[in-house]
């Protein structure tokens, strides 16, 4: 038995997780070693269905403030077609010394 077409595509939550993870890594790249980050707002636009093959998420820091970092991310398929487009805000959190 073969699954219906919509069941054979990549779930949107996977694209969300990829974009969120890429934006978190990009945020960490602009922080000091005593800082952490947490996503406070992420919006994803699903542009095209993805079925099989490799997906790649990339993120760009648009603005890095002292308390909030603004980012954009793209998820593309193996043909470099845009599958998802995301924007996000990440909070900058100070890490306590000794933790």
N, C-alpha and C. Protein backbone atom coordinates (compact mmCIF):
# COMPACT_ATOMS: atom_id res chain seq x y z
N UNK A 1 0.85 -1.18 0.00
CA UNK A 1 0.00 0.00 0.00
C UNK A 1 0.89 1.24 0.00
N UNK A 2 0.59 2.16 -0.85
CA UNK A 2 1.36 3.41 -0.95
C UNK A 2 0.61 4.53 -0.24
N UNK A 3 1.36 5.36 0.48
CA UNK A 3 0.76 6.48 1.22
C UNK A 3 0.26 7.53 0.24
N UNK A 4 -0.81 8.24 0.60
CA UNK A 4 -1.27 9.36 -0.23
C UNK A 4 -0.15 10.38 -0.38
N UNK A 5 -0.21 11.18 -1.45
CA UNK A 5 0.85 12.15 -1.76
C UNK A 5 1.23 13.05 -0.60
N UNK A 6 0.26 13.55 0.15
CA UNK A 6 0.59 14.48 1.23
C UNK A 6 1.31 13.79 2.38
N UNK A 7 1.17 12.47 2.51
CA UNK A 7 1.88 11.75 3.57
C UNK A 7 3.32 11.45 3.18
N UNK A 8 3.63 11.52 1.90
CA UNK A 8 5.00 11.20 1.48
C UNK A 8 5.91 12.43 1.46
N UNK A 9 5.36 13.60 1.75
CA UNK A 9 6.18 14.81 1.78
C UNK A 9 6.75 15.03 3.18
N UNK A 10 7.78 15.87 3.25
CA UNK A 10 8.41 16.20 4.53
C UNK A 10 7.44 17.05 5.35
N UNK A 11 7.25 16.68 6.60
CA UNK A 11 6.35 17.43 7.48
C UNK A 11 6.89 18.84 7.72
N UNK A 12 5.99 19.81 7.79
CA UNK A 12 6.39 21.20 8.02
C UNK A 12 7.17 21.41 9.29
N UNK A 13 6.93 20.59 10.31
CA UNK A 13 7.66 20.73 11.57
C UNK A 13 9.15 20.45 11.38
N UNK A 14 9.48 19.60 10.41
CA UNK A 14 10.89 19.32 10.11
C UNK A 14 11.55 20.57 9.55
N UNK A 15 10.86 21.24 8.63
CA UNK A 15 11.40 22.48 8.06
C UNK A 15 11.54 23.55 9.13
N UNK A 16 10.53 23.64 10.01
CA UNK A 16 10.60 24.59 11.12
C UNK A 16 11.83 24.31 11.98
N UNK A 17 12.03 23.04 12.35
CA UNK A 17 13.16 22.68 13.22
C UNK A 17 14.50 22.98 12.54
N UNK A 18 14.57 22.74 11.24
CA UNK A 18 15.82 23.03 10.52
C UNK A 18 16.11 24.53 10.52
N UNK A 19 15.10 25.33 10.23
CA UNK A 19 15.28 26.79 10.20
C UNK A 19 15.62 27.32 11.59
N UNK A 20 14.91 26.84 12.61
CA UNK A 20 15.14 27.28 13.99
C UNK A 20 16.56 26.93 14.43
N UNK A 21 17.00 25.74 14.11
CA UNK A 21 18.36 25.30 14.48
C UNK A 21 19.42 26.12 13.75
N UNK A 22 19.22 26.37 12.46
CA UNK A 22 20.18 27.18 11.70
C UNK A 22 20.25 28.60 12.26
N UNK A 23 19.09 29.17 12.60
CA UNK A 23 19.09 30.53 13.16
C UNK A 23 19.72 30.56 14.54
N UNK A 24 19.52 29.52 15.34
CA UNK A 24 20.16 29.44 16.65
C UNK A 24 21.67 29.38 16.53
N UNK A 25 22.16 28.58 15.58
CA UNK A 25 23.61 28.48 15.36
C UNK A 25 24.17 29.82 14.88
N UNK A 26 23.44 30.48 13.98
CA UNK A 26 23.90 31.79 13.49
C UNK A 26 23.92 32.81 14.62
N UNK A 27 22.93 32.75 15.49
CA UNK A 27 22.90 33.66 16.64
C UNK A 27 24.12 33.41 17.54
N UNK A 28 24.39 32.15 17.83
CA UNK A 28 25.53 31.82 18.70
C UNK A 28 26.85 32.32 18.11
N UNK A 29 26.93 32.41 16.78
CA UNK A 29 28.18 32.85 16.15
C UNK A 29 28.48 34.33 16.38
N UNK A 30 27.48 35.10 16.80
CA UNK A 30 27.72 36.53 17.06
C UNK A 30 27.70 36.89 18.54
N UNK A 31 27.56 35.88 19.41
CA UNK A 31 27.51 36.13 20.85
C UNK A 31 28.87 35.90 21.50
N UNK A 32 29.03 36.46 22.68
CA UNK A 32 30.22 36.19 23.48
C UNK A 32 30.12 34.79 24.07
N UNK A 33 31.25 34.26 24.54
CA UNK A 33 31.25 32.89 25.08
C UNK A 33 30.44 32.75 26.36
N UNK A 34 30.13 33.86 27.02
CA UNK A 34 29.33 33.79 28.25
C UNK A 34 27.85 34.07 27.99
N UNK A 35 27.43 33.95 26.72
CA UNK A 35 26.03 34.18 26.38
C UNK A 35 25.42 32.96 25.69
N UNK A 36 24.12 32.85 25.85
CA UNK A 36 23.32 31.82 25.20
C UNK A 36 22.20 32.50 24.44
N UNK A 37 21.39 31.73 23.72
CA UNK A 37 20.25 32.32 23.03
C UNK A 37 19.05 31.39 23.13
N UNK A 38 17.89 31.97 22.90
CA UNK A 38 16.64 31.21 22.84
C UNK A 38 15.72 31.88 21.83
N UNK A 39 15.06 31.07 21.01
CA UNK A 39 14.14 31.64 20.03
C UNK A 39 12.92 32.21 20.77
N UNK A 40 12.53 33.42 20.37
CA UNK A 40 11.36 34.04 20.98
C UNK A 40 10.25 34.25 19.96
N UNK A 41 10.59 34.21 18.67
CA UNK A 41 9.58 34.31 17.62
C UNK A 41 10.16 33.72 16.35
N UNK A 42 9.46 32.78 15.76
CA UNK A 42 9.89 32.19 14.49
C UNK A 42 8.66 32.07 13.60
N UNK A 43 8.79 32.58 12.38
CA UNK A 43 7.72 32.46 11.39
C UNK A 43 8.29 31.73 10.18
N UNK A 44 7.55 30.72 9.70
CA UNK A 44 8.00 29.94 8.56
C UNK A 44 6.95 30.02 7.46
N UNK A 45 7.42 30.25 6.26
CA UNK A 45 6.58 30.21 5.08
C UNK A 45 6.98 28.99 4.27
N UNK A 46 6.02 28.13 4.02
CA UNK A 46 6.29 26.91 3.26
C UNK A 46 6.09 27.23 1.78
N UNK A 47 7.15 27.11 1.00
CA UNK A 47 7.15 27.57 -0.39
C UNK A 47 6.91 26.45 -1.40
N UNK A 48 7.35 25.24 -1.08
CA UNK A 48 7.27 24.13 -2.02
C UNK A 48 7.36 22.84 -1.23
N UNK A 49 6.63 21.84 -1.65
CA UNK A 49 6.70 20.54 -0.97
C UNK A 49 8.06 19.89 -1.21
N UNK A 50 8.57 19.23 -0.20
CA UNK A 50 9.81 18.46 -0.30
C UNK A 50 9.47 17.00 -0.07
N UNK A 51 10.07 16.13 -0.87
CA UNK A 51 9.73 14.71 -0.76
C UNK A 51 10.90 13.87 -0.31
N UNK A 52 11.90 13.74 -1.11
CA UNK A 52 13.07 12.96 -0.70
C UNK A 52 14.31 13.70 -1.15
N UNK A 53 15.45 13.22 -0.70
CA UNK A 53 16.70 13.91 -1.01
C UNK A 53 17.13 14.79 0.15
N UNK A 54 18.20 15.48 -0.07
CA UNK A 54 18.81 16.30 0.98
C UNK A 54 18.15 17.68 1.07
N UNK A 55 17.95 18.13 2.30
CA UNK A 55 17.49 19.48 2.57
C UNK A 55 18.59 20.20 3.34
N UNK A 56 18.80 21.47 3.02
CA UNK A 56 19.84 22.26 3.67
C UNK A 56 19.23 23.57 4.15
N UNK A 57 19.49 23.90 5.41
CA UNK A 57 19.03 25.16 5.99
C UNK A 57 20.23 26.08 6.20
N UNK A 58 20.07 27.33 5.80
CA UNK A 58 21.09 28.35 6.04
C UNK A 58 20.42 29.55 6.70
N UNK A 59 21.17 30.25 7.52
CA UNK A 59 20.62 31.41 8.23
C UNK A 59 21.58 32.58 8.15
N UNK A 60 20.99 33.77 8.16
CA UNK A 60 21.75 35.01 8.11
C UNK A 60 21.29 35.93 9.23
N UNK A 61 22.26 36.47 9.96
CA UNK A 61 21.94 37.47 10.99
C UNK A 61 21.67 38.78 10.28
N UNK A 62 20.49 39.33 10.48
CA UNK A 62 20.11 40.59 9.85
C UNK A 62 20.48 41.78 10.74
N UNK A 63 20.31 41.58 12.06
CA UNK A 63 20.66 42.62 13.03
C UNK A 63 20.95 41.96 14.37
N UNK A 64 22.08 42.28 14.96
CA UNK A 64 22.45 41.72 16.26
C UNK A 64 22.44 42.84 17.29
N UNK A 65 21.41 42.87 18.12
CA UNK A 65 21.33 43.84 19.20
C UNK A 65 21.89 43.25 20.48
N UNK A 66 21.89 44.03 21.53
CA UNK A 66 22.40 43.56 22.82
C UNK A 66 21.48 42.53 23.46
N UNK A 67 20.18 42.63 23.19
CA UNK A 67 19.21 41.72 23.81
C UNK A 67 18.48 40.81 22.84
N UNK A 68 18.38 41.23 21.58
CA UNK A 68 17.64 40.45 20.58
C UNK A 68 18.42 40.43 19.27
N UNK A 69 18.44 39.26 18.64
CA UNK A 69 19.08 39.09 17.33
C UNK A 69 17.98 38.75 16.32
N UNK A 70 17.97 39.46 15.19
CA UNK A 70 16.99 39.24 14.12
C UNK A 70 17.66 38.46 12.99
N UNK A 71 16.96 37.43 12.48
CA UNK A 71 17.55 36.56 11.47
C UNK A 71 16.57 36.21 10.37
N UNK A 72 17.12 35.70 9.26
CA UNK A 72 16.35 35.08 8.20
C UNK A 72 17.00 33.75 7.89
N UNK A 73 16.17 32.78 7.48
CA UNK A 73 16.69 31.46 7.12
C UNK A 73 15.99 30.95 5.88
N UNK A 74 16.69 30.11 5.15
CA UNK A 74 16.14 29.44 3.98
C UNK A 74 16.36 27.94 4.13
N UNK A 75 15.40 27.16 3.67
CA UNK A 75 15.58 25.72 3.56
C UNK A 75 15.43 25.40 2.08
N UNK A 76 16.42 24.74 1.51
CA UNK A 76 16.42 24.40 0.09
C UNK A 76 16.58 22.89 -0.10
N UNK A 77 16.05 22.40 -1.22
CA UNK A 77 16.17 20.97 -1.52
C UNK A 77 17.44 20.69 -2.30
N UNK A 78 17.63 19.44 -2.72
CA UNK A 78 18.87 19.04 -3.40
C UNK A 78 19.04 19.74 -4.74
N UNK A 79 17.97 20.30 -5.29
CA UNK A 79 18.06 21.06 -6.54
C UNK A 79 18.19 22.56 -6.28
N UNK A 80 18.37 22.92 -5.02
CA UNK A 80 18.48 24.30 -4.55
C UNK A 80 17.19 25.09 -4.71
N UNK A 81 16.07 24.40 -4.87
CA UNK A 81 14.76 25.05 -4.90
C UNK A 81 14.38 25.46 -3.48
N UNK A 82 13.81 26.64 -3.34
CA UNK A 82 13.40 27.13 -2.03
C UNK A 82 12.19 26.36 -1.54
N UNK A 83 12.34 25.70 -0.40
CA UNK A 83 11.27 24.90 0.20
C UNK A 83 10.60 25.66 1.34
N UNK A 84 11.41 26.37 2.13
CA UNK A 84 10.87 27.15 3.25
C UNK A 84 11.68 28.40 3.48
N UNK A 85 10.99 29.44 3.92
CA UNK A 85 11.62 30.73 4.21
C UNK A 85 11.18 31.13 5.62
N UNK A 86 12.13 31.49 6.46
CA UNK A 86 11.80 31.79 7.86
C UNK A 86 12.43 33.11 8.29
N UNK A 87 11.78 33.71 9.27
CA UNK A 87 12.37 34.86 9.95
C UNK A 87 12.22 34.60 11.44
N UNK A 88 13.16 35.11 12.21
CA UNK A 88 13.11 34.83 13.64
C UNK A 88 13.79 35.89 14.48
N UNK A 89 13.40 35.90 15.73
CA UNK A 89 14.01 36.76 16.75
C UNK A 89 14.51 35.84 17.86
N UNK A 90 15.75 36.05 18.26
CA UNK A 90 16.35 35.23 19.32
C UNK A 90 16.79 36.13 20.46
N UNK A 91 16.44 35.75 21.68
CA UNK A 91 16.85 36.50 22.87
C UNK A 91 18.29 36.17 23.20
N UNK A 92 19.02 37.18 23.62
CA UNK A 92 20.39 37.00 24.10
C UNK A 92 20.31 36.85 25.62
N UNK A 93 20.85 35.75 26.11
CA UNK A 93 20.76 35.41 27.54
C UNK A 93 22.16 35.32 28.12
N UNK A 94 22.39 36.02 29.22
CA UNK A 94 23.69 35.93 29.90
C UNK A 94 23.78 34.63 30.69
N UNK A 95 24.91 33.97 30.57
CA UNK A 95 25.15 32.72 31.29
C UNK A 95 25.82 33.05 32.61
N UNK A 96 25.35 32.44 33.68
CA UNK A 96 25.95 32.68 35.00
C UNK A 96 27.34 32.04 35.04
N UNK A 97 28.27 32.75 35.65
CA UNK A 97 29.63 32.24 35.79
C UNK A 97 29.59 30.99 36.66
N UNK A 98 30.33 29.94 36.26
CA UNK A 98 30.38 28.70 37.04
C UNK A 98 29.33 27.69 36.62
N UNK A 99 28.54 27.98 35.63
CA UNK A 99 27.52 27.04 35.15
C UNK A 99 27.90 26.51 33.81
